ModelCIF file with pLDDT and N, C-alpha, C, O atoms, coordinates in Angstrom:
data_MODEL
#
_entry.id   MODEL 
#
_entity.id                         1 
_entity.type                       polymer 
_entity.pdbx_number_of_molecules   1 
#
_entity_poly.entity_id                      1 
_entity_poly.type                           'polypeptide(L)' 
_entity_poly.nstd_linkage                   no 
_entity_poly.nstd_monomer                   no 
_entity_poly.pdbx_seq_one_letter_code       GWFRQAPGKEREVVSCISSNGGSTRYTESVKGRFTISRDNAKKTAYLQ 
_entity_poly.pdbx_seq_one_letter_code_can   GWFRQAPGKEREVVSCISSNGGSTRYTESVKGRFTISRDNAKKTAYLQ 
_entity_poly.pdbx_strand_id                 A 
#
loop_
_entity_poly_seq.entity_id 
_entity_poly_seq.num 
_entity_poly_seq.mon_id 
_entity_poly_seq.hetero 
1 1  GLY n 
1 2  TRP n 
1 3  PHE n 
1 4  ARG n 
1 5  GLN n 
1 6  ALA n 
1 7  PRO n 
1 8  GLY n 
1 9  LYS n 
1 10 GLU n 
1 11 ARG n 
1 12 GLU n 
1 13 VAL n 
1 14 VAL n 
1 15 SER n 
1 16 CYS n 
1 17 ILE n 
1 18 SER n 
1 19 SER n 
1 20 ASN n 
1 21 GLY n 
1 22 GLY n 
1 23 SER n 
1 24 THR n 
1 25 ARG n 
1 26 TYR n 
1 27 THR n 
1 28 GLU n 
1 29 SER n 
1 30 VAL n 
1 31 LYS n 
1 32 GLY n 
1 33 ARG n 
1 34 PHE n 
1 35 THR n 
1 36 ILE n 
1 37 SER n 
1 38 ARG n 
1 39 ASP n 
1 40 ASN n 
1 41 ALA n 
1 42 LYS n 
1 43 LYS n 
1 44 THR n 
1 45 ALA n 
1 46 TYR n 
1 47 LEU n 
1 48 GLN n 
#
_struct_asym.id          A 
_struct_asym.entity_id   1 
#
loop_
_ma_qa_metric.id 
_ma_qa_metric.mode 
_ma_qa_metric.name 
_ma_qa_metric.software_group_id 
_ma_qa_metric.type 
1 global pLDDT . pLDDT 
2 local  pLDDT . pLDDT 
#
_ma_qa_metric_global.metric_id      1 
_ma_qa_metric_global.metric_value   96.73 
_ma_qa_metric_global.model_id       1 
_ma_qa_metric_global.ordinal_id     1 
#
loop_
_ma_qa_metric_local.label_asym_id 
_ma_qa_metric_local.label_comp_id 
_ma_qa_metric_local.label_seq_id 
_ma_qa_metric_local.metric_id 
_ma_qa_metric_local.metric_value 
_ma_qa_metric_local.model_id 
_ma_qa_metric_local.ordinal_id 
A GLY 1  2 98.00 1 1  
A TRP 2  2 98.00 1 2  
A PHE 3  2 98.00 1 3  
A ARG 4  2 98.00 1 4  
A GLN 5  2 97.00 1 5  
A ALA 6  2 97.00 1 6  
A PRO 7  2 92.00 1 7  
A GLY 8  2 94.00 1 8  
A LYS 9  2 96.00 1 9  
A GLU 10 2 95.00 1 10 
A ARG 11 2 96.00 1 11 
A GLU 12 2 96.00 1 12 
A VAL 13 2 97.00 1 13 
A VAL 14 2 97.00 1 14 
A SER 15 2 98.00 1 15 
A CYS 16 2 98.00 1 16 
A ILE 17 2 98.00 1 17 
A SER 18 2 98.00 1 18 
A SER 19 2 97.00 1 19 
A ASN 20 2 96.00 1 20 
A GLY 21 2 96.00 1 21 
A GLY 22 2 96.00 1 22 
A SER 23 2 97.00 1 23 
A THR 24 2 98.00 1 24 
A ARG 25 2 97.00 1 25 
A TYR 26 2 97.00 1 26 
A THR 27 2 95.00 1 27 
A GLU 28 2 94.00 1 28 
A SER 29 2 91.00 1 29 
A VAL 30 2 94.00 1 30 
A LYS 31 2 95.00 1 31 
A GLY 32 2 96.00 1 32 
A ARG 33 2 97.00 1 33 
A PHE 34 2 97.00 1 34 
A THR 35 2 98.00 1 35 
A ILE 36 2 98.00 1 36 
A SER 37 2 98.00 1 37 
A ARG 38 2 98.00 1 38 
A ASP 39 2 98.00 1 39 
A ASN 40 2 97.00 1 40 
A ALA 41 2 97.00 1 41 
A LYS 42 2 97.00 1 42 
A LYS 43 2 98.00 1 43 
A THR 44 2 98.00 1 44 
A ALA 45 2 98.00 1 45 
A TYR 46 2 98.00 1 46 
A LEU 47 2 98.00 1 47 
A GLN 48 2 98.00 1 48 
#
loop_
_atom_site.group_PDB 
_atom_site.id 
_atom_site.type_symbol 
_atom_site.label_atom_id 
_atom_site.label_alt_id 
_atom_site.label_comp_id 
_atom_site.label_asym_id 
_atom_site.label_entity_id 
_atom_site.label_seq_id 
_atom_site.pdbx_PDB_ins_code 
_atom_site.Cartn_x 
_atom_site.Cartn_y 
_atom_site.Cartn_z 
_atom_site.occupancy 
_atom_site.B_iso_or_equiv 
_atom_site.pdbx_formal_charge 
_atom_site.auth_seq_id 
_atom_site.auth_comp_id 
_atom_site.auth_asym_id 
_atom_site.auth_atom_id 
_atom_site.pdbx_PDB_model_num 
ATOM 1   N N  . GLY A 1 1  ? 0.820   -1.202  0.000   1.00 98.00 ? 1  GLY A N  1 
ATOM 2   C CA . GLY A 1 1  ? 0.000   0.000   0.000   1.00 98.00 ? 1  GLY A CA 1 
ATOM 3   C C  . GLY A 1 1  ? 0.854   1.252   0.000   1.00 98.00 ? 1  GLY A C  1 
ATOM 4   O O  . GLY A 1 1  ? 1.967   1.267   0.525   1.00 98.00 ? 1  GLY A O  1 
ATOM 5   N N  . TRP A 1 2  ? 0.319   2.288   -0.592  1.00 98.00 ? 2  TRP A N  1 
ATOM 6   C CA . TRP A 1 2  ? 0.917   3.623   -0.511  1.00 98.00 ? 2  TRP A CA 1 
ATOM 7   C C  . TRP A 1 2  ? 0.044   4.474   0.402   1.00 98.00 ? 2  TRP A C  1 
ATOM 8   O O  . TRP A 1 2  ? -1.183  4.450   0.316   1.00 98.00 ? 2  TRP A O  1 
ATOM 9   N N  . PHE A 1 3  ? 0.697   5.215   1.265   1.00 98.00 ? 3  PHE A N  1 
ATOM 10  C CA . PHE A 1 3  ? 0.035   6.086   2.222   1.00 98.00 ? 3  PHE A CA 1 
ATOM 11  C C  . PHE A 1 3  ? 0.697   7.453   2.143   1.00 98.00 ? 3  PHE A C  1 
ATOM 12  O O  . PHE A 1 3  ? 1.806   7.584   1.627   1.00 98.00 ? 3  PHE A O  1 
ATOM 13  N N  . ARG A 1 4  ? 0.015   8.464   2.655   1.00 98.00 ? 4  ARG A N  1 
ATOM 14  C CA . ARG A 1 4  ? 0.628   9.784   2.712   1.00 98.00 ? 4  ARG A CA 1 
ATOM 15  C C  . ARG A 1 4  ? 0.196   10.505  3.975   1.00 98.00 ? 4  ARG A C  1 
ATOM 16  O O  . ARG A 1 4  ? -0.876  10.265  4.532   1.00 98.00 ? 4  ARG A O  1 
ATOM 17  N N  . GLN A 1 5  ? 1.070   11.392  4.401   1.00 97.00 ? 5  GLN A N  1 
ATOM 18  C CA . GLN A 1 5  ? 0.768   12.203  5.565   1.00 97.00 ? 5  GLN A CA 1 
ATOM 19  C C  . GLN A 1 5  ? 1.188   13.633  5.273   1.00 97.00 ? 5  GLN A C  1 
ATOM 20  O O  . GLN A 1 5  ? 2.369   13.930  5.087   1.00 97.00 ? 5  GLN A O  1 
ATOM 21  N N  . ALA A 1 6  ? 0.205   14.500  5.237   1.00 97.00 ? 6  ALA A N  1 
ATOM 22  C CA . ALA A 1 6  ? 0.465   15.916  5.017   1.00 97.00 ? 6  ALA A CA 1 
ATOM 23  C C  . ALA A 1 6  ? 0.799   16.576  6.346   1.00 97.00 ? 6  ALA A C  1 
ATOM 24  O O  . ALA A 1 6  ? 0.410   16.069  7.399   1.00 97.00 ? 6  ALA A O  1 
ATOM 25  N N  . PRO A 1 7  ? 1.505   17.685  6.317   1.00 92.00 ? 7  PRO A N  1 
ATOM 26  C CA . PRO A 1 7  ? 1.856   18.373  7.560   1.00 92.00 ? 7  PRO A CA 1 
ATOM 27  C C  . PRO A 1 7  ? 0.614   18.700  8.385   1.00 92.00 ? 7  PRO A C  1 
ATOM 28  O O  . PRO A 1 7  ? -0.337  19.300  7.884   1.00 92.00 ? 7  PRO A O  1 
ATOM 29  N N  . GLY A 1 8  ? 0.636   18.304  9.634   1.00 94.00 ? 8  GLY A N  1 
ATOM 30  C CA . GLY A 1 8  ? -0.462  18.610  10.531  1.00 94.00 ? 8  GLY A CA 1 
ATOM 31  C C  . GLY A 1 8  ? -1.697  17.755  10.358  1.00 94.00 ? 8  GLY A C  1 
ATOM 32  O O  . GLY A 1 8  ? -2.725  18.006  10.987  1.00 94.00 ? 8  GLY A O  1 
ATOM 33  N N  . LYS A 1 9  ? -1.603  16.741  9.503   1.00 96.00 ? 9  LYS A N  1 
ATOM 34  C CA . LYS A 1 9  ? -2.758  15.897  9.255   1.00 96.00 ? 9  LYS A CA 1 
ATOM 35  C C  . LYS A 1 9  ? -2.431  14.438  9.567   1.00 96.00 ? 9  LYS A C  1 
ATOM 36  O O  . LYS A 1 9  ? -1.266  14.063  9.700   1.00 96.00 ? 9  LYS A O  1 
ATOM 37  N N  . GLU A 1 10 ? -3.459  13.642  9.680   1.00 95.00 ? 10 GLU A N  1 
ATOM 38  C CA . GLU A 1 10 ? -3.276  12.223  9.923   1.00 95.00 ? 10 GLU A CA 1 
ATOM 39  C C  . GLU A 1 10 ? -2.860  11.516  8.628   1.00 95.00 ? 10 GLU A C  1 
ATOM 40  O O  . GLU A 1 10 ? -3.150  11.974  7.523   1.00 95.00 ? 10 GLU A O  1 
ATOM 41  N N  . ARG A 1 11 ? -2.189  10.416  8.802   1.00 96.00 ? 11 ARG A N  1 
ATOM 42  C CA . ARG A 1 11 ? -1.819  9.592   7.656   1.00 96.00 ? 11 ARG A CA 1 
ATOM 43  C C  . ARG A 1 11 ? -3.075  9.039   7.002   1.00 96.00 ? 11 ARG A C  1 
ATOM 44  O O  . ARG A 1 11 ? -4.032  8.678   7.687   1.00 96.00 ? 11 ARG A O  1 
ATOM 45  N N  . GLU A 1 12 ? -3.070  8.975   5.680   1.00 96.00 ? 12 GLU A N  1 
ATOM 46  C CA . GLU A 1 12 ? -4.201  8.403   4.961   1.00 96.00 ? 12 GLU A CA 1 
ATOM 47  C C  . GLU A 1 12 ? -3.694  7.433   3.897   1.00 96.00 ? 12 GLU A C  1 
ATOM 48  O O  . GLU A 1 12 ? -2.599  7.585   3.357   1.00 96.00 ? 12 GLU A O  1 
ATOM 49  N N  . VAL A 1 13 ? -4.522  6.440   3.617   1.00 97.00 ? 13 VAL A N  1 
ATOM 50  C CA . VAL A 1 13 ? -4.170  5.495   2.572   1.00 97.00 ? 13 VAL A CA 1 
ATOM 51  C C  . VAL A 1 13 ? -4.462  6.123   1.213   1.00 97.00 ? 13 VAL A C  1 
ATOM 52  O O  . VAL A 1 13 ? -5.420  6.879   1.053   1.00 97.00 ? 13 VAL A O  1 
ATOM 53  N N  . VAL A 1 14 ? -3.627  5.797   0.252   1.00 97.00 ? 14 VAL A N  1 
ATOM 54  C CA . VAL A 1 14 ? -3.779  6.332   -1.098  1.00 97.00 ? 14 VAL A CA 1 
ATOM 55  C C  . VAL A 1 14 ? -4.177  5.234   -2.072  1.00 97.00 ? 14 VAL A C  1 
ATOM 56  O O  . VAL A 1 14 ? -5.138  5.378   -2.827  1.00 97.00 ? 14 VAL A O  1 
ATOM 57  N N  . SER A 1 15 ? -3.435  4.141   -2.048  1.00 98.00 ? 15 SER A N  1 
ATOM 58  C CA . SER A 1 15 ? -3.664  3.077   -3.012  1.00 98.00 ? 15 SER A CA 1 
ATOM 59  C C  . SER A 1 15 ? -3.047  1.789   -2.512  1.00 98.00 ? 15 SER A C  1 
ATOM 60  O O  . SER A 1 15 ? -2.094  1.803   -1.734  1.00 98.00 ? 15 SER A O  1 
ATOM 61  N N  . CYS A 1 16 ? -3.606  0.663   -2.971  1.00 98.00 ? 16 CYS A N  1 
ATOM 62  C CA . CYS A 1 16 ? -3.099  -0.646  -2.569  1.00 98.00 ? 16 CYS A CA 1 
ATOM 63  C C  . CYS A 1 16 ? -3.082  -1.589  -3.764  1.00 98.00 ? 16 CYS A C  1 
ATOM 64  O O  . CYS A 1 16 ? -3.870  -1.439  -4.698  1.00 98.00 ? 16 CYS A O  1 
ATOM 65  N N  . ILE A 1 17 ? -2.184  -2.553  -3.725  1.00 98.00 ? 17 ILE A N  1 
ATOM 66  C CA . ILE A 1 17 ? -2.080  -3.518  -4.811  1.00 98.00 ? 17 ILE A CA 1 
ATOM 67  C C  . ILE A 1 17 ? -1.847  -4.905  -4.239  1.00 98.00 ? 17 ILE A C  1 
ATOM 68  O O  . ILE A 1 17 ? -1.097  -5.078  -3.279  1.00 98.00 ? 17 ILE A O  1 
ATOM 69  N N  . SER A 1 18 ? -2.493  -5.881  -4.836  1.00 98.00 ? 18 SER A N  1 
ATOM 70  C CA . SER A 1 18 ? -2.350  -7.254  -4.365  1.00 98.00 ? 18 SER A CA 1 
ATOM 71  C C  . SER A 1 18 ? -0.965  -7.806  -4.700  1.00 98.00 ? 18 SER A C  1 
ATOM 72  O O  . SER A 1 18 ? -0.208  -7.201  -5.459  1.00 98.00 ? 18 SER A O  1 
ATOM 73  N N  . SER A 1 19 ? -0.657  -8.944  -4.131  1.00 97.00 ? 19 SER A N  1 
ATOM 74  C CA . SER A 1 19 ? 0.686   -9.507  -4.259  1.00 97.00 ? 19 SER A CA 1 
ATOM 75  C C  . SER A 1 19 ? 1.077   -9.789  -5.707  1.00 97.00 ? 19 SER A C  1 
ATOM 76  O O  . SER A 1 19 ? 2.238   -9.624  -6.082  1.00 97.00 ? 19 SER A O  1 
ATOM 77  N N  . ASN A 1 20 ? 0.115   -10.211 -6.518  1.00 96.00 ? 20 ASN A N  1 
ATOM 78  C CA . ASN A 1 20 ? 0.438   -10.503 -7.922  1.00 96.00 ? 20 ASN A CA 1 
ATOM 79  C C  . ASN A 1 20 ? 0.133   -9.342  -8.854  1.00 96.00 ? 20 ASN A C  1 
ATOM 80  O O  . ASN A 1 20 ? 0.302   -9.449  -10.069 1.00 96.00 ? 20 ASN A O  1 
ATOM 81  N N  . GLY A 1 21 ? -0.315  -8.241  -8.284  1.00 96.00 ? 21 GLY A N  1 
ATOM 82  C CA . GLY A 1 21 ? -0.608  -7.059  -9.091  1.00 96.00 ? 21 GLY A CA 1 
ATOM 83  C C  . GLY A 1 21 ? -1.960  -7.096  -9.781  1.00 96.00 ? 21 GLY A C  1 
ATOM 84  O O  . GLY A 1 21 ? -2.300  -6.180  -10.529 1.00 96.00 ? 21 GLY A O  1 
ATOM 85  N N  . GLY A 1 22 ? -2.727  -8.139  -9.539  1.00 96.00 ? 22 GLY A N  1 
ATOM 86  C CA . GLY A 1 22 ? -3.974  -8.301  -10.266 1.00 96.00 ? 22 GLY A CA 1 
ATOM 87  C C  . GLY A 1 22 ? -5.125  -7.449  -9.766  1.00 96.00 ? 22 GLY A C  1 
ATOM 88  O O  . GLY A 1 22 ? -6.098  -7.224  -10.485 1.00 96.00 ? 22 GLY A O  1 
ATOM 89  N N  . SER A 1 23 ? -5.016  -6.980  -8.539  1.00 97.00 ? 23 SER A N  1 
ATOM 90  C CA . SER A 1 23 ? -6.082  -6.157  -7.972  1.00 97.00 ? 23 SER A CA 1 
ATOM 91  C C  . SER A 1 23 ? -5.496  -4.891  -7.378  1.00 97.00 ? 23 SER A C  1 
ATOM 92  O O  . SER A 1 23 ? -4.426  -4.900  -6.769  1.00 97.00 ? 23 SER A O  1 
ATOM 93  N N  . THR A 1 24 ? -6.227  -3.799  -7.572  1.00 98.00 ? 24 THR A N  1 
ATOM 94  C CA . THR A 1 24 ? -5.786  -2.519  -7.032  1.00 98.00 ? 24 THR A CA 1 
ATOM 95  C C  . THR A 1 24 ? -6.974  -1.784  -6.408  1.00 98.00 ? 24 THR A C  1 
ATOM 96  O O  . THR A 1 24 ? -8.133  -2.050  -6.729  1.00 98.00 ? 24 THR A O  1 
ATOM 97  N N  . ARG A 1 25 ? -6.657  -0.874  -5.528  1.00 97.00 ? 25 ARG A N  1 
ATOM 98  C CA . ARG A 1 25 ? -7.674  -0.009  -4.930  1.00 97.00 ? 25 ARG A CA 1 
ATOM 99  C C  . ARG A 1 25 ? -7.087  1.388   -4.790  1.00 97.00 ? 25 ARG A C  1 
ATOM 100 O O  . ARG A 1 25 ? -5.881  1.561   -4.613  1.00 97.00 ? 25 ARG A O  1 
ATOM 101 N N  . TYR A 1 26 ? -7.977  2.388   -4.875  1.00 97.00 ? 26 TYR A N  1 
ATOM 102 C CA . TYR A 1 26 ? -7.569  3.776   -4.738  1.00 97.00 ? 26 TYR A CA 1 
ATOM 103 C C  . TYR A 1 26 ? -8.546  4.509   -3.844  1.00 97.00 ? 26 TYR A C  1 
ATOM 104 O O  . TYR A 1 26 ? -9.746  4.235   -3.846  1.00 97.00 ? 26 TYR A O  1 
ATOM 105 N N  . THR A 1 27 ? -8.012  5.444   -3.082  1.00 95.00 ? 27 THR A N  1 
ATOM 106 C CA . THR A 1 27 ? -8.906  6.318   -2.353  1.00 95.00 ? 27 THR A CA 1 
ATOM 107 C C  . THR A 1 27 ? -9.562  7.265   -3.356  1.00 95.00 ? 27 THR A C  1 
ATOM 108 O O  . THR A 1 27 ? -8.973  7.600   -4.383  1.00 95.00 ? 27 THR A O  1 
ATOM 109 N N  . GLU A 1 28 ? -10.773 7.685   -3.052  1.00 94.00 ? 28 GLU A N  1 
ATOM 110 C CA . GLU A 1 28 ? -11.588 8.413   -4.021  1.00 94.00 ? 28 GLU A CA 1 
ATOM 111 C C  . GLU A 1 28 ? -10.894 9.657   -4.555  1.00 94.00 ? 28 GLU A C  1 
ATOM 112 O O  . GLU A 1 28 ? -11.019 9.972   -5.738  1.00 94.00 ? 28 GLU A O  1 
ATOM 113 N N  . SER A 1 29 ? -10.170 10.362  -3.708  1.00 91.00 ? 29 SER A N  1 
ATOM 114 C CA . SER A 1 29 ? -9.602  11.652  -4.096  1.00 91.00 ? 29 SER A CA 1 
ATOM 115 C C  . SER A 1 29 ? -8.476  11.546  -5.125  1.00 91.00 ? 29 SER A C  1 
ATOM 116 O O  . SER A 1 29 ? -8.088  12.551  -5.719  1.00 91.00 ? 29 SER A O  1 
ATOM 117 N N  . VAL A 1 30 ? -7.950  10.339  -5.339  1.00 94.00 ? 30 VAL A N  1 
ATOM 118 C CA . VAL A 1 30 ? -6.832  10.207  -6.275  1.00 94.00 ? 30 VAL A CA 1 
ATOM 119 C C  . VAL A 1 30 ? -7.190  9.393   -7.512  1.00 94.00 ? 30 VAL A C  1 
ATOM 120 O O  . VAL A 1 30 ? -6.365  9.243   -8.413  1.00 94.00 ? 30 VAL A O  1 
ATOM 121 N N  . LYS A 1 31 ? -8.388  8.878   -7.562  1.00 95.00 ? 31 LYS A N  1 
ATOM 122 C CA . LYS A 1 31 ? -8.792  8.063   -8.712  1.00 95.00 ? 31 LYS A CA 1 
ATOM 123 C C  . LYS A 1 31 ? -8.664  8.871   -10.004 1.00 95.00 ? 31 LYS A C  1 
ATOM 124 O O  . LYS A 1 31 ? -9.072  10.030  -10.078 1.00 95.00 ? 31 LYS A O  1 
ATOM 125 N N  . GLY A 1 32 ? -8.101  8.239   -10.995 1.00 96.00 ? 32 GLY A N  1 
ATOM 126 C CA . GLY A 1 32 ? -7.919  8.896   -12.278 1.00 96.00 ? 32 GLY A CA 1 
ATOM 127 C C  . GLY A 1 32 ? -6.615  9.652   -12.397 1.00 96.00 ? 32 GLY A C  1 
ATOM 128 O O  . GLY A 1 32 ? -6.209  10.006  -13.504 1.00 96.00 ? 32 GLY A O  1 
ATOM 129 N N  . ARG A 1 33 ? -5.946  9.910   -11.279 1.00 97.00 ? 33 ARG A N  1 
ATOM 130 C CA . ARG A 1 33 ? -4.670  10.636  -11.318 1.00 97.00 ? 33 ARG A CA 1 
ATOM 131 C C  . ARG A 1 33 ? -3.499  9.770   -10.862 1.00 97.00 ? 33 ARG A C  1 
ATOM 132 O O  . ARG A 1 33 ? -2.373  9.957   -11.322 1.00 97.00 ? 33 ARG A O  1 
ATOM 133 N N  . PHE A 1 34 ? -3.758  8.832   -9.968  1.00 97.00 ? 34 PHE A N  1 
ATOM 134 C CA . PHE A 1 34 ? -2.709  7.975   -9.415  1.00 97.00 ? 34 PHE A CA 1 
ATOM 135 C C  . PHE A 1 34 ? -2.852  6.569   -10.003 1.00 97.00 ? 34 PHE A C  1 
ATOM 136 O O  . PHE A 1 34 ? -3.963  6.076   -10.203 1.00 97.00 ? 34 PHE A O  1 
ATOM 137 N N  . THR A 1 35 ? -1.726  5.942   -10.271 1.00 98.00 ? 35 THR A N  1 
ATOM 138 C CA . THR A 1 35 ? -1.712  4.561   -10.729 1.00 98.00 ? 35 THR A CA 1 
ATOM 139 C C  . THR A 1 35 ? -0.668  3.782   -9.951  1.00 98.00 ? 35 THR A C  1 
ATOM 140 O O  . THR A 1 35 ? 0.510   4.137   -9.932  1.00 98.00 ? 35 THR A O  1 
ATOM 141 N N  . ILE A 1 36 ? -1.116  2.722   -9.315  1.00 98.00 ? 36 ILE A N  1 
ATOM 142 C CA . ILE A 1 36 ? -0.203  1.853   -8.573  1.00 98.00 ? 36 ILE A CA 1 
ATOM 143 C C  . ILE A 1 36 ? 0.156   0.653   -9.448  1.00 98.00 ? 36 ILE A C  1 
ATOM 144 O O  . ILE A 1 36 ? -0.677  0.150   -10.201 1.00 98.00 ? 36 ILE A O  1 
ATOM 145 N N  . SER A 1 37 ? 1.376   0.213   -9.339  1.00 98.00 ? 37 SER A N  1 
ATOM 146 C CA . SER A 1 37 ? 1.822   -0.964  -10.086 1.00 98.00 ? 37 SER A CA 1 
ATOM 147 C C  . SER A 1 37 ? 2.971   -1.605  -9.324  1.00 98.00 ? 37 SER A C  1 
ATOM 148 O O  . SER A 1 37 ? 3.458   -1.059  -8.334  1.00 98.00 ? 37 SER A O  1 
ATOM 149 N N  . ARG A 1 38 ? 3.391   -2.750  -9.789  1.00 98.00 ? 38 ARG A N  1 
ATOM 150 C CA . ARG A 1 38 ? 4.521   -3.418  -9.145  1.00 98.00 ? 38 ARG A CA 1 
ATOM 151 C C  . ARG A 1 38 ? 5.227   -4.310  -10.146 1.00 98.00 ? 38 ARG A C  1 
ATOM 152 O O  . ARG A 1 38 ? 4.636   -4.779  -11.119 1.00 98.00 ? 38 ARG A O  1 
ATOM 153 N N  . ASP A 1 39 ? 6.495   -4.532  -9.886  1.00 98.00 ? 39 ASP A N  1 
ATOM 154 C CA . ASP A 1 39 ? 7.318   -5.445  -10.675 1.00 98.00 ? 39 ASP A CA 1 
ATOM 155 C C  . ASP A 1 39 ? 8.020   -6.341  -9.670  1.00 98.00 ? 39 ASP A C  1 
ATOM 156 O O  . ASP A 1 39 ? 9.044   -5.962  -9.101  1.00 98.00 ? 39 ASP A O  1 
ATOM 157 N N  . ASN A 1 40 ? 7.477   -7.514  -9.453  1.00 97.00 ? 40 ASN A N  1 
ATOM 158 C CA . ASN A 1 40 ? 8.037   -8.391  -8.425  1.00 97.00 ? 40 ASN A CA 1 
ATOM 159 C C  . ASN A 1 40 ? 9.443   -8.855  -8.777  1.00 97.00 ? 40 ASN A C  1 
ATOM 160 O O  . ASN A 1 40 ? 10.247  -9.121  -7.883  1.00 97.00 ? 40 ASN A O  1 
ATOM 161 N N  . ALA A 1 41 ? 9.747   -8.953  -10.056 1.00 97.00 ? 41 ALA A N  1 
ATOM 162 C CA . ALA A 1 41 ? 11.103  -9.340  -10.446 1.00 97.00 ? 41 ALA A CA 1 
ATOM 163 C C  . ALA A 1 41 ? 12.114  -8.300  -9.984  1.00 97.00 ? 41 ALA A C  1 
ATOM 164 O O  . ALA A 1 41 ? 13.261  -8.630  -9.683  1.00 97.00 ? 41 ALA A O  1 
ATOM 165 N N  . LYS A 1 42 ? 11.687  -7.050  -9.930  1.00 97.00 ? 42 LYS A N  1 
ATOM 166 C CA . LYS A 1 42 ? 12.557  -5.964  -9.470  1.00 97.00 ? 42 LYS A CA 1 
ATOM 167 C C  . LYS A 1 42 ? 12.326  -5.642  -7.999  1.00 97.00 ? 42 LYS A C  1 
ATOM 168 O O  . LYS A 1 42 ? 12.966  -4.749  -7.444  1.00 97.00 ? 42 LYS A O  1 
ATOM 169 N N  . LYS A 1 43 ? 11.409  -6.375  -7.370  1.00 98.00 ? 43 LYS A N  1 
ATOM 170 C CA . LYS A 1 43 ? 11.084  -6.150  -5.947  1.00 98.00 ? 43 LYS A CA 1 
ATOM 171 C C  . LYS A 1 43 ? 10.678  -4.704  -5.704  1.00 98.00 ? 43 LYS A C  1 
ATOM 172 O O  . LYS A 1 43 ? 11.039  -4.110  -4.688  1.00 98.00 ? 43 LYS A O  1 
ATOM 173 N N  . THR A 1 44 ? 9.940   -4.155  -6.625  1.00 98.00 ? 44 THR A N  1 
ATOM 174 C CA . THR A 1 44 ? 9.619   -2.737  -6.582  1.00 98.00 ? 44 THR A CA 1 
ATOM 175 C C  . THR A 1 44 ? 8.142   -2.492  -6.863  1.00 98.00 ? 44 THR A C  1 
ATOM 176 O O  . THR A 1 44 ? 7.546   -3.114  -7.743  1.00 98.00 ? 44 THR A O  1 
ATOM 177 N N  . ALA A 1 45 ? 7.572   -1.579  -6.102  1.00 98.00 ? 45 ALA A N  1 
ATOM 178 C CA . ALA A 1 45 ? 6.238   -1.074  -6.362  1.00 98.00 ? 45 ALA A CA 1 
ATOM 179 C C  . ALA A 1 45 ? 6.357   0.391   -6.764  1.00 98.00 ? 45 ALA A C  1 
ATOM 180 O O  . ALA A 1 45 ? 7.297   1.088   -6.384  1.00 98.00 ? 45 ALA A O  1 
ATOM 181 N N  . TYR A 1 46 ? 5.381   0.833   -7.538  1.00 98.00 ? 46 TYR A N  1 
ATOM 182 C CA . TYR A 1 46 ? 5.427   2.200   -8.055  1.00 98.00 ? 46 TYR A CA 1 
ATOM 183 C C  . TYR A 1 46 ? 4.106   2.907   -7.780  1.00 98.00 ? 46 TYR A C  1 
ATOM 184 O O  . TYR A 1 46 ? 3.054   2.282   -7.648  1.00 98.00 ? 46 TYR A O  1 
ATOM 185 N N  . LEU A 1 47 ? 4.194   4.209   -7.699  1.00 98.00 ? 47 LEU A N  1 
ATOM 186 C CA . LEU A 1 47 ? 3.000   5.039   -7.660  1.00 98.00 ? 47 LEU A CA 1 
ATOM 187 C C  . LEU A 1 47 ? 3.219   6.177   -8.646  1.00 98.00 ? 47 LEU A C  1 
ATOM 188 O O  . LEU A 1 47 ? 4.001   7.095   -8.400  1.00 98.00 ? 47 LEU A O  1 
ATOM 189 N N  . GLN A 1 48 ? 2.515   6.094   -9.761  1.00 98.00 ? 48 GLN A N  1 
ATOM 190 C CA . GLN A 1 48 ? 2.565   7.149   -10.767 1.00 98.00 ? 48 GLN A CA 1 
ATOM 191 C C  . GLN A 1 48 ? 1.531   8.193   -10.387 1.00 98.00 ? 48 GLN A C  1 
ATOM 192 O O  . GLN A 1 48 ? 1.378   9.194   -11.087 1.00 98.00 ? 48 GLN A O  1 
#
């Protein structure tokens, strides 16, 4: 999962991705602008 915390605010979840990358979820405020992905061969997750 990707989370964010703005100054003076509580941490909030942004997006999550399943282990195989087949399922994703986004918080409403970022839908259409944020894209989560992962490359397990590179042991890396991304947030565009």
